[in-house]
Amino acid sequence: MKLYTKTGDGGQTGLYGADRVSKAHIRVEAYGTVDELNSAVGLARAHNGRSHKPHAELDADLEYLQNALFDVGADLATRPGTPYAKNVSRIDEQDVAFIEAMIDRYAEGVPPIRNFIHPAGTLTAAALHVARAVARRAEREVIRLLHEEEANAQVQVYLNRVSDLLFAMARAANQVAELQEEEWAVKGRR
């Protein structure tokens, strides 16, 4: 099977269930941004694997997250109420609770924040901060989708928690590397 189908050459794509919509449709924007998020998480995993102190637990959790983000994308790519909707695993409160437990685990042992910190540090941490920013954008896209048509509202909550998780993971990655986080220097406090 070839990688190119040419079915999207006219600017349309198929949702799960064969609906054809514009590639600029808000639903496609939402799951496309989740796909971008998944790629950013993969980049963080790659950096973690090449660091001088690879964090095995972090890698396992990021692998879990990548699989979960495929579920999120499928959820968004399938309109509720279509015959295909029953084939898709929907994000729910249990998924959100699982991410919250991961956040709590990564936040343990990391000093409390007194100020905004720079999204920087090790290559792993910096990549996690980029992924966090993409997660925030994905959340905004899902909010726009929810304003325009029916979709699973738990996806928005889930992506909100994922961005928090990625932040906690970035801080933990810097902590493992014994790297001091840089605080925001407000103008005038240089």
N, C-alpha and C. Protein backbone atom coordinates (compact mmCIF):
# COMPACT_ATOMS: atom_id res chain seq x y z
N MET A 1 0.85 -1.19 0.00
CA MET A 1 0.00 0.00 0.00
C MET A 1 0.89 1.25 0.00
N LYS A 2 0.56 2.19 -0.85
CA LYS A 2 1.33 3.43 -0.93
C LYS A 2 0.94 4.36 0.21
N LEU A 3 1.89 5.21 0.60
CA LEU A 3 1.64 6.18 1.66
C LEU A 3 0.71 7.31 1.20
N TYR A 4 0.69 7.58 -0.07
CA TYR A 4 -0.17 8.66 -0.56
C TYR A 4 -1.39 8.06 -1.26
N THR A 5 -2.54 8.67 -0.95
CA THR A 5 -3.81 8.19 -1.53
C THR A 5 -4.38 9.16 -2.55
N LYS A 6 -3.97 10.40 -2.48
CA LYS A 6 -4.45 11.48 -3.34
C LYS A 6 -5.89 11.90 -3.03
N THR A 7 -6.52 11.26 -2.02
CA THR A 7 -7.90 11.61 -1.70
C THR A 7 -8.01 12.97 -1.01
N GLY A 8 -6.90 13.47 -0.48
CA GLY A 8 -6.92 14.76 0.18
C GLY A 8 -6.43 15.90 -0.68
N ASP A 9 -6.16 15.63 -1.94
CA ASP A 9 -5.62 16.67 -2.82
C ASP A 9 -6.58 17.83 -3.04
N GLY A 10 -7.86 17.60 -2.82
CA GLY A 10 -8.85 18.66 -2.98
C GLY A 10 -9.10 19.45 -1.71
N GLY A 11 -8.30 19.19 -0.68
CA GLY A 11 -8.45 19.96 0.57
C GLY A 11 -9.43 19.36 1.55
N GLN A 12 -9.82 18.11 1.33
CA GLN A 12 -10.74 17.46 2.26
C GLN A 12 -10.08 16.20 2.83
N THR A 13 -10.57 15.77 3.97
CA THR A 13 -10.11 14.55 4.61
C THR A 13 -11.30 13.80 5.17
N GLY A 14 -11.10 12.55 5.49
CA GLY A 14 -12.18 11.74 6.03
C GLY A 14 -12.08 11.61 7.53
N LEU A 15 -13.20 11.85 8.20
CA LEU A 15 -13.28 11.56 9.62
C LEU A 15 -13.51 10.06 9.76
N TYR A 16 -13.31 9.52 10.95
CA TYR A 16 -13.60 8.10 11.18
C TYR A 16 -15.10 7.92 11.00
N GLY A 17 -15.49 7.11 10.08
CA GLY A 17 -16.89 6.94 9.75
C GLY A 17 -17.19 7.45 8.35
N ALA A 18 -16.16 7.89 7.63
CA ALA A 18 -16.22 8.26 6.22
C ALA A 18 -16.80 9.64 5.92
N ASP A 19 -17.16 10.45 6.92
CA ASP A 19 -17.56 11.83 6.65
C ASP A 19 -16.37 12.56 6.04
N ARG A 20 -16.60 13.35 5.01
CA ARG A 20 -15.54 14.16 4.40
C ARG A 20 -15.75 15.60 4.85
N VAL A 21 -14.67 16.20 5.31
CA VAL A 21 -14.70 17.59 5.77
C VAL A 21 -13.45 18.29 5.27
N SER A 22 -13.48 19.61 5.31
CA SER A 22 -12.32 20.41 4.95
C SER A 22 -11.17 20.10 5.90
N LYS A 23 -9.97 20.12 5.37
CA LYS A 23 -8.80 19.93 6.22
C LYS A 23 -8.63 21.09 7.20
N ALA A 24 -9.33 22.19 6.96
CA ALA A 24 -9.31 23.33 7.87
C ALA A 24 -10.46 23.29 8.87
N HIS A 25 -11.27 22.24 8.87
CA HIS A 25 -12.39 22.09 9.80
C HIS A 25 -11.86 22.07 11.23
N ILE A 26 -12.61 22.64 12.15
CA ILE A 26 -12.17 22.76 13.53
C ILE A 26 -11.91 21.39 14.16
N ARG A 27 -12.64 20.38 13.77
CA ARG A 27 -12.41 19.03 14.31
C ARG A 27 -11.04 18.51 13.85
N VAL A 28 -10.70 18.76 12.59
CA VAL A 28 -9.41 18.33 12.05
C VAL A 28 -8.28 19.13 12.71
N GLU A 29 -8.52 20.42 12.93
CA GLU A 29 -7.53 21.24 13.65
C GLU A 29 -7.27 20.68 15.04
N ALA A 30 -8.34 20.26 15.72
CA ALA A 30 -8.20 19.74 17.08
C ALA A 30 -7.40 18.44 17.11
N TYR A 31 -7.80 17.46 16.29
CA TYR A 31 -7.04 16.20 16.37
C TYR A 31 -5.69 16.32 15.70
N GLY A 32 -5.54 17.25 14.77
CA GLY A 32 -4.22 17.50 14.18
C GLY A 32 -3.25 18.08 15.20
N THR A 33 -3.75 18.93 16.07
CA THR A 33 -2.90 19.50 17.12
C THR A 33 -2.55 18.44 18.15
N VAL A 34 -3.47 17.52 18.42
CA VAL A 34 -3.15 16.39 19.30
C VAL A 34 -2.07 15.52 18.67
N ASP A 35 -2.11 15.34 17.36
CA ASP A 35 -1.06 14.60 16.67
C ASP A 35 0.28 15.31 16.81
N GLU A 36 0.26 16.64 16.67
CA GLU A 36 1.48 17.42 16.87
C GLU A 36 2.00 17.25 18.30
N LEU A 37 1.08 17.26 19.26
CA LEU A 37 1.44 17.04 20.66
C LEU A 37 2.12 15.68 20.83
N ASN A 38 1.56 14.66 20.21
CA ASN A 38 2.13 13.32 20.31
C ASN A 38 3.56 13.31 19.76
N SER A 39 3.79 14.02 18.67
CA SER A 39 5.14 14.11 18.10
C SER A 39 6.09 14.84 19.05
N ALA A 40 5.60 15.89 19.70
CA ALA A 40 6.43 16.63 20.66
C ALA A 40 6.78 15.75 21.85
N VAL A 41 5.85 14.92 22.29
CA VAL A 41 6.13 13.98 23.38
C VAL A 41 7.19 12.98 22.92
N GLY A 42 7.09 12.53 21.67
CA GLY A 42 8.09 11.63 21.14
C GLY A 42 9.48 12.25 21.12
N LEU A 43 9.54 13.54 20.81
CA LEU A 43 10.82 14.24 20.82
C LEU A 43 11.39 14.28 22.24
N ALA A 44 10.55 14.53 23.22
CA ALA A 44 11.00 14.52 24.62
C ALA A 44 11.52 13.13 25.01
N ARG A 45 10.83 12.09 24.56
CA ARG A 45 11.30 10.72 24.83
C ARG A 45 12.68 10.50 24.21
N ALA A 46 12.86 10.97 22.98
CA ALA A 46 14.15 10.79 22.31
C ALA A 46 15.27 11.49 23.07
N HIS A 47 15.01 12.71 23.53
CA HIS A 47 16.02 13.43 24.31
C HIS A 47 16.30 12.71 25.62
N ASN A 48 15.26 12.21 26.27
CA ASN A 48 15.44 11.50 27.53
C ASN A 48 16.34 10.27 27.32
N GLY A 49 16.10 9.54 26.24
CA GLY A 49 16.87 8.34 25.96
C GLY A 49 18.34 8.60 25.68
N ARG A 50 18.64 9.82 25.22
CA ARG A 50 20.03 10.16 24.89
C ARG A 50 20.70 10.98 25.99
N SER A 51 19.98 11.26 27.08
CA SER A 51 20.58 12.09 28.13
C SER A 51 21.62 11.29 28.91
N HIS A 52 22.46 11.99 29.63
CA HIS A 52 23.49 11.30 30.42
C HIS A 52 22.88 10.56 31.61
N LYS A 53 21.68 10.94 31.99
CA LYS A 53 20.95 10.25 33.06
C LYS A 53 19.55 9.93 32.56
N PRO A 54 19.38 8.92 31.70
CA PRO A 54 18.02 8.61 31.22
C PRO A 54 17.11 8.25 32.39
N HIS A 55 15.90 8.71 32.31
CA HIS A 55 14.90 8.53 33.37
C HIS A 55 13.92 7.46 32.88
N ALA A 56 14.11 6.21 33.34
CA ALA A 56 13.31 5.07 32.84
C ALA A 56 11.83 5.24 33.13
N GLU A 57 11.49 5.71 34.31
CA GLU A 57 10.08 5.91 34.67
C GLU A 57 9.45 6.96 33.76
N LEU A 58 10.19 8.02 33.48
CA LEU A 58 9.69 9.07 32.59
C LEU A 58 9.42 8.51 31.21
N ASP A 59 10.34 7.70 30.70
CA ASP A 59 10.14 7.12 29.37
C ASP A 59 8.89 6.26 29.33
N ALA A 60 8.70 5.43 30.34
CA ALA A 60 7.52 4.56 30.39
C ALA A 60 6.24 5.38 30.44
N ASP A 61 6.25 6.45 31.23
CA ASP A 61 5.06 7.30 31.34
C ASP A 61 4.79 8.07 30.06
N LEU A 62 5.85 8.49 29.38
CA LEU A 62 5.66 9.18 28.10
C LEU A 62 5.16 8.22 27.03
N GLU A 63 5.61 6.97 27.07
CA GLU A 63 5.09 5.98 26.13
C GLU A 63 3.60 5.75 26.38
N TYR A 64 3.22 5.65 27.66
CA TYR A 64 1.79 5.54 27.99
C TYR A 64 1.04 6.75 27.42
N LEU A 65 1.58 7.94 27.64
CA LEU A 65 0.92 9.17 27.18
C LEU A 65 0.78 9.17 25.67
N GLN A 66 1.80 8.72 24.95
CA GLN A 66 1.68 8.69 23.49
C GLN A 66 0.54 7.78 23.05
N ASN A 67 0.41 6.61 23.67
CA ASN A 67 -0.70 5.73 23.34
C ASN A 67 -2.04 6.37 23.67
N ALA A 68 -2.10 7.04 24.82
CA ALA A 68 -3.34 7.71 25.22
C ALA A 68 -3.69 8.84 24.26
N LEU A 69 -2.68 9.53 23.73
CA LEU A 69 -2.96 10.62 22.79
C LEU A 69 -3.51 10.10 21.47
N PHE A 70 -3.16 8.88 21.09
CA PHE A 70 -3.82 8.27 19.92
C PHE A 70 -5.30 8.06 20.22
N ASP A 71 -5.63 7.66 21.46
CA ASP A 71 -7.04 7.51 21.85
C ASP A 71 -7.76 8.86 21.79
N VAL A 72 -7.08 9.91 22.25
CA VAL A 72 -7.66 11.26 22.20
C VAL A 72 -7.94 11.65 20.75
N GLY A 73 -6.96 11.41 19.88
CA GLY A 73 -7.14 11.74 18.46
C GLY A 73 -8.30 10.99 17.85
N ALA A 74 -8.42 9.71 18.15
CA ALA A 74 -9.54 8.91 17.64
C ALA A 74 -10.87 9.43 18.17
N ASP A 75 -10.88 9.81 19.44
CA ASP A 75 -12.09 10.37 20.05
C ASP A 75 -12.51 11.62 19.29
N LEU A 76 -11.56 12.49 19.01
CA LEU A 76 -11.87 13.74 18.32
C LEU A 76 -12.22 13.52 16.85
N ALA A 77 -11.65 12.50 16.22
CA ALA A 77 -11.88 12.25 14.80
C ALA A 77 -13.19 11.53 14.52
N THR A 78 -13.92 11.19 15.57
CA THR A 78 -15.17 10.44 15.41
C THR A 78 -16.32 11.26 15.99
N ARG A 79 -17.23 11.65 15.14
CA ARG A 79 -18.38 12.42 15.62
C ARG A 79 -19.26 11.53 16.50
N PRO A 80 -19.66 12.04 17.68
CA PRO A 80 -20.57 11.27 18.52
C PRO A 80 -21.88 11.00 17.77
N GLY A 81 -22.45 9.84 18.02
CA GLY A 81 -23.73 9.50 17.42
C GLY A 81 -23.63 8.82 16.06
N THR A 82 -22.44 8.77 15.46
CA THR A 82 -22.30 8.07 14.19
C THR A 82 -22.18 6.57 14.47
N PRO A 83 -22.47 5.74 13.48
CA PRO A 83 -22.36 4.29 13.69
C PRO A 83 -20.97 3.84 14.15
N TYR A 84 -19.93 4.57 13.76
CA TYR A 84 -18.56 4.20 14.12
C TYR A 84 -18.19 4.61 15.54
N ALA A 85 -18.98 5.48 16.16
CA ALA A 85 -18.65 6.00 17.49
C ALA A 85 -18.54 4.89 18.52
N LYS A 86 -19.30 3.82 18.34
CA LYS A 86 -19.26 2.73 19.32
C LYS A 86 -17.93 1.98 19.28
N ASN A 87 -17.14 2.15 18.22
CA ASN A 87 -15.85 1.48 18.09
C ASN A 87 -14.70 2.26 18.72
N VAL A 88 -14.99 3.45 19.23
CA VAL A 88 -13.93 4.33 19.72
C VAL A 88 -13.98 4.40 21.24
N SER A 89 -12.82 4.28 21.84
CA SER A 89 -12.70 4.42 23.30
C SER A 89 -12.72 5.91 23.63
N ARG A 90 -13.71 6.33 24.38
CA ARG A 90 -13.84 7.76 24.73
C ARG A 90 -13.07 8.08 26.01
N ILE A 91 -12.47 9.24 26.03
CA ILE A 91 -11.78 9.74 27.22
C ILE A 91 -12.84 10.02 28.28
N ASP A 92 -12.56 9.60 29.52
CA ASP A 92 -13.54 9.79 30.59
C ASP A 92 -12.86 10.26 31.88
N GLU A 93 -13.66 10.35 32.94
CA GLU A 93 -13.17 10.84 34.23
C GLU A 93 -12.04 9.97 34.78
N GLN A 94 -12.07 8.67 34.52
CA GLN A 94 -11.01 7.78 35.00
C GLN A 94 -9.68 8.12 34.33
N ASP A 95 -9.72 8.46 33.06
CA ASP A 95 -8.50 8.85 32.36
C ASP A 95 -7.93 10.13 32.97
N VAL A 96 -8.81 11.07 33.29
CA VAL A 96 -8.37 12.33 33.92
C VAL A 96 -7.75 12.03 35.28
N ALA A 97 -8.39 11.18 36.07
CA ALA A 97 -7.88 10.83 37.40
C ALA A 97 -6.51 10.15 37.32
N PHE A 98 -6.32 9.33 36.30
CA PHE A 98 -5.03 8.66 36.13
C PHE A 98 -3.92 9.68 35.87
N ILE A 99 -4.20 10.67 35.03
CA ILE A 99 -3.22 11.73 34.76
C ILE A 99 -2.96 12.55 36.02
N GLU A 100 -4.00 12.82 36.80
CA GLU A 100 -3.82 13.57 38.05
C GLU A 100 -2.90 12.83 39.01
N ALA A 101 -3.04 11.51 39.09
CA ALA A 101 -2.16 10.71 39.95
C ALA A 101 -0.71 10.79 39.45
N MET A 102 -0.53 10.82 38.15
CA MET A 102 0.82 10.96 37.60
C MET A 102 1.40 12.33 37.95
N ILE A 103 0.57 13.36 37.85
CA ILE A 103 1.03 14.72 38.20
C ILE A 103 1.51 14.74 39.65
N ASP A 104 0.71 14.18 40.54
CA ASP A 104 1.08 14.16 41.96
C ASP A 104 2.40 13.43 42.17
N ARG A 105 2.61 12.33 41.46
CA ARG A 105 3.84 11.56 41.60
C ARG A 105 5.05 12.38 41.14
N TYR A 106 4.92 13.08 40.01
CA TYR A 106 6.05 13.87 39.51
C TYR A 106 6.28 15.13 40.33
N ALA A 107 5.26 15.64 40.96
CA ALA A 107 5.41 16.87 41.76
C ALA A 107 6.07 16.59 43.10
N GLU A 108 6.04 15.32 43.55
CA GLU A 108 6.68 14.96 44.81
C GLU A 108 8.18 15.19 44.73
N GLY A 109 8.73 15.80 45.74
CA GLY A 109 10.18 15.97 45.79
C GLY A 109 10.73 17.12 44.98
N VAL A 110 9.87 17.80 44.22
CA VAL A 110 10.31 18.96 43.46
C VAL A 110 9.94 20.19 44.29
N PRO A 111 10.88 21.13 44.45
CA PRO A 111 10.58 22.30 45.29
C PRO A 111 9.36 23.07 44.79
N PRO A 112 8.60 23.64 45.71
CA PRO A 112 7.44 24.45 45.28
C PRO A 112 7.89 25.65 44.46
N ILE A 113 7.01 26.08 43.60
CA ILE A 113 7.32 27.23 42.74
C ILE A 113 6.93 28.51 43.47
N ARG A 114 7.85 29.46 43.47
CA ARG A 114 7.56 30.77 44.06
C ARG A 114 7.30 31.82 43.01
N ASN A 115 7.68 31.50 41.76
CA ASN A 115 7.60 32.45 40.67
C ASN A 115 7.47 31.67 39.37
N PHE A 116 7.16 32.34 38.28
CA PHE A 116 7.20 31.67 36.99
C PHE A 116 8.63 31.23 36.71
N ILE A 117 8.77 30.08 36.05
CA ILE A 117 10.11 29.60 35.70
C ILE A 117 10.25 29.58 34.18
N HIS A 118 11.48 29.69 33.71
CA HIS A 118 11.74 29.62 32.28
C HIS A 118 11.47 28.20 31.79
N PRO A 119 10.85 28.08 30.62
CA PRO A 119 10.67 26.74 30.04
C PRO A 119 11.98 26.28 29.41
N ALA A 120 12.88 25.82 30.26
CA ALA A 120 14.24 25.50 29.82
C ALA A 120 14.80 24.39 30.69
N GLY A 121 16.10 24.22 30.60
CA GLY A 121 16.80 23.22 31.39
C GLY A 121 17.47 22.21 30.49
N THR A 122 17.34 20.93 30.83
CA THR A 122 17.92 19.88 30.01
C THR A 122 17.16 19.82 28.69
N LEU A 123 17.73 19.12 27.71
CA LEU A 123 17.02 18.95 26.44
C LEU A 123 15.68 18.25 26.66
N THR A 124 15.67 17.28 27.57
CA THR A 124 14.42 16.58 27.87
C THR A 124 13.40 17.55 28.44
N ALA A 125 13.80 18.33 29.43
CA ALA A 125 12.88 19.28 30.06
C ALA A 125 12.40 20.32 29.06
N ALA A 126 13.31 20.86 28.25
CA ALA A 126 12.91 21.86 27.27
C ALA A 126 11.91 21.28 26.27
N ALA A 127 12.13 20.03 25.84
CA ALA A 127 11.19 19.38 24.91
C ALA A 127 9.84 19.16 25.59
N LEU A 128 9.86 18.82 26.88
CA LEU A 128 8.60 18.65 27.61
C LEU A 128 7.84 19.97 27.72
N HIS A 129 8.57 21.07 27.89
CA HIS A 129 7.92 22.39 27.93
C HIS A 129 7.29 22.73 26.58
N VAL A 130 7.97 22.39 25.48
CA VAL A 130 7.38 22.61 24.15
C VAL A 130 6.10 21.77 24.03
N ALA A 131 6.17 20.51 24.45
CA ALA A 131 4.98 19.65 24.41
C ALA A 131 3.85 20.24 25.25
N ARG A 132 4.20 20.80 26.40
CA ARG A 132 3.19 21.44 27.26
C ARG A 132 2.49 22.58 26.54
N ALA A 133 3.26 23.39 25.83
CA ALA A 133 2.66 24.51 25.09
C ALA A 133 1.76 23.99 23.97
N VAL A 134 2.15 22.91 23.31
CA VAL A 134 1.31 22.32 22.27
C VAL A 134 0.04 21.75 22.90
N ALA A 135 0.16 21.15 24.09
CA ALA A 135 -1.03 20.63 24.78
C ALA A 135 -2.02 21.75 25.08
N ARG A 136 -1.52 22.90 25.48
CA ARG A 136 -2.40 24.05 25.75
C ARG A 136 -3.12 24.48 24.47
N ARG A 137 -2.39 24.47 23.34
CA ARG A 137 -3.02 24.84 22.07
C ARG A 137 -4.07 23.81 21.68
N ALA A 138 -3.76 22.54 21.88
CA ALA A 138 -4.73 21.48 21.58
C ALA A 138 -5.99 21.68 22.41
N GLU A 139 -5.81 22.02 23.67
CA GLU A 139 -6.96 22.28 24.54
C GLU A 139 -7.80 23.44 23.99
N ARG A 140 -7.15 24.50 23.55
CA ARG A 140 -7.90 25.63 22.98
C ARG A 140 -8.67 25.23 21.73
N GLU A 141 -8.05 24.39 20.90
CA GLU A 141 -8.73 23.91 19.69
C GLU A 141 -9.97 23.08 20.05
N VAL A 142 -9.85 22.25 21.08
CA VAL A 142 -10.99 21.44 21.51
C VAL A 142 -12.10 22.34 22.07
N ILE A 143 -11.74 23.38 22.79
CA ILE A 143 -12.75 24.32 23.29
C ILE A 143 -13.50 24.96 22.12
N ARG A 144 -12.76 25.36 21.07
CA ARG A 144 -13.41 25.92 19.88
C ARG A 144 -14.36 24.89 19.25
N LEU A 145 -13.90 23.65 19.16
CA LEU A 145 -14.73 22.57 18.62
C LEU A 145 -16.01 22.42 19.43
N LEU A 146 -15.89 22.42 20.75
CA LEU A 146 -17.06 22.25 21.62
C LEU A 146 -18.06 23.39 21.46
N HIS A 147 -17.58 24.56 21.06
CA HIS A 147 -18.48 25.70 20.81
C HIS A 147 -19.23 25.55 19.50
N GLU A 148 -18.67 24.77 18.57
CA GLU A 148 -19.27 24.66 17.24
C GLU A 148 -20.09 23.41 17.01
N GLU A 149 -19.68 22.30 17.62
CA GLU A 149 -20.43 21.06 17.41
C GLU A 149 -20.20 20.09 18.56
N GLU A 150 -20.94 19.01 18.54
CA GLU A 150 -20.85 18.04 19.63
C GLU A 150 -19.52 17.30 19.59
N ALA A 151 -18.92 17.17 20.77
CA ALA A 151 -17.68 16.42 20.95
C ALA A 151 -17.61 16.04 22.43
N ASN A 152 -16.69 15.18 22.77
CA ASN A 152 -16.51 14.72 24.14
C ASN A 152 -15.85 15.81 24.97
N ALA A 153 -16.58 16.41 25.89
CA ALA A 153 -16.05 17.50 26.71
C ALA A 153 -14.93 17.04 27.64
N GLN A 154 -14.85 15.75 27.95
CA GLN A 154 -13.78 15.25 28.82
C GLN A 154 -12.41 15.38 28.15
N VAL A 155 -12.39 15.45 26.84
CA VAL A 155 -11.11 15.62 26.13
C VAL A 155 -10.47 16.95 26.52
N GLN A 156 -11.26 17.99 26.63
CA GLN A 156 -10.72 19.30 27.02
C GLN A 156 -10.13 19.23 28.42
N VAL A 157 -10.82 18.60 29.34
CA VAL A 157 -10.33 18.46 30.72
C VAL A 157 -9.03 17.64 30.71
N TYR A 158 -9.05 16.55 29.97
CA TYR A 158 -7.89 15.66 29.88
C TYR A 158 -6.66 16.42 29.37
N LEU A 159 -6.82 17.18 28.29
CA LEU A 159 -5.69 17.93 27.74
C LEU A 159 -5.19 18.99 28.71
N ASN A 160 -6.10 19.56 29.49
CA ASN A 160 -5.69 20.51 30.52
C ASN A 160 -4.76 19.83 31.52
N ARG A 161 -5.12 18.62 31.94
CA ARG A 161 -4.29 17.87 32.88
C ARG A 161 -2.98 17.42 32.23
N VAL A 162 -3.04 17.04 30.95
CA VAL A 162 -1.82 16.62 30.26
C VAL A 162 -0.80 17.76 30.24
N SER A 163 -1.26 18.98 30.03
CA SER A 163 -0.31 20.10 30.03
C SER A 163 0.31 20.26 31.41
N ASP A 164 -0.49 20.08 32.47
CA ASP A 164 0.06 20.14 33.83
C ASP A 164 1.06 19.00 34.06
N LEU A 165 0.73 17.81 33.57
CA LEU A 165 1.63 16.67 33.70
C LEU A 165 2.96 16.94 33.02
N LEU A 166 2.92 17.47 31.81
CA LEU A 166 4.16 17.75 31.08
C LEU A 166 5.01 18.78 31.81
N PHE A 167 4.36 19.76 32.44
CA PHE A 167 5.08 20.75 33.24
C PHE A 167 5.76 20.07 34.42
N ALA A 168 5.01 19.21 35.13
CA ALA A 168 5.58 18.49 36.28
C ALA A 168 6.72 17.58 35.85
N MET A 169 6.57 16.93 34.70
CA MET A 169 7.63 16.07 34.19
C MET A 169 8.89 16.87 33.84
N ALA A 170 8.70 18.05 33.25
CA ALA A 170 9.85 18.90 32.91
C ALA A 170 10.60 19.30 34.17
N ARG A 171 9.87 19.67 35.19
CA ARG A 171 10.52 20.05 36.45
C ARG A 171 11.25 18.86 37.06
N ALA A 172 10.63 17.68 37.00
CA ALA A 172 11.28 16.48 37.54
C ALA A 172 12.53 16.13 36.74
N ALA A 173 12.48 16.29 35.43
CA ALA A 173 13.65 16.00 34.60
C ALA A 173 14.82 16.91 34.97
N ASN A 174 14.52 18.17 35.23
CA ASN A 174 15.58 19.09 35.66
C ASN A 174 16.09 18.72 37.04
N GLN A 175 15.20 18.27 37.91
CA GLN A 175 15.57 17.88 39.26
C GLN A 175 16.51 16.67 39.22
N VAL A 176 16.18 15.66 38.41
CA VAL A 176 17.02 14.47 38.28
C VAL A 176 18.42 14.86 37.76
N ALA A 177 18.47 15.82 36.88
CA ALA A 177 19.75 16.28 36.32
C ALA A 177 20.46 17.27 37.25
N GLU A 178 19.84 17.54 38.40
CA GLU A 178 20.38 18.49 39.38
C GLU A 178 20.62 19.86 38.77
N LEU A 179 19.67 20.26 37.94
CA LEU A 179 19.75 21.54 37.26
C LEU A 179 18.84 22.55 37.95
N GLN A 180 19.36 23.68 38.31
CA GLN A 180 18.59 24.74 38.96
C GLN A 180 17.66 25.42 37.95
N GLU A 181 16.39 25.53 38.27
CA GLU A 181 15.45 26.22 37.38
C GLU A 181 15.67 27.73 37.47
N GLU A 182 15.49 28.39 36.34
CA GLU A 182 15.65 29.84 36.28
C GLU A 182 14.29 30.50 36.44
N GLU A 183 14.19 31.44 37.37
CA GLU A 183 12.94 32.16 37.58
C GLU A 183 12.85 33.36 36.65
N TRP A 184 11.61 33.73 36.37
CA TRP A 184 11.35 34.91 35.57
C TRP A 184 11.88 36.13 36.28
N ALA A 185 12.71 36.91 35.60
CA ALA A 185 13.23 38.15 36.15
C ALA A 185 12.36 39.28 35.63
N VAL A 186 11.45 39.73 36.46
CA VAL A 186 10.53 40.80 36.08
C VAL A 186 11.36 42.04 35.77
N LYS A 187 10.95 42.76 34.74
CA LYS A 187 11.65 43.97 34.32
C LYS A 187 11.90 44.86 35.55
N GLY A 188 13.11 45.29 35.72
CA GLY A 188 13.44 46.13 36.87
C GLY A 188 14.08 45.34 37.98
N ARG A 189 14.04 43.99 37.89
CA ARG A 189 14.66 43.18 38.94
C ARG A 189 15.94 42.51 38.41
N ARG A 190 16.58 43.12 37.48
CA ARG A 190 17.75 42.47 36.85
C ARG A 190 18.89 42.57 37.74
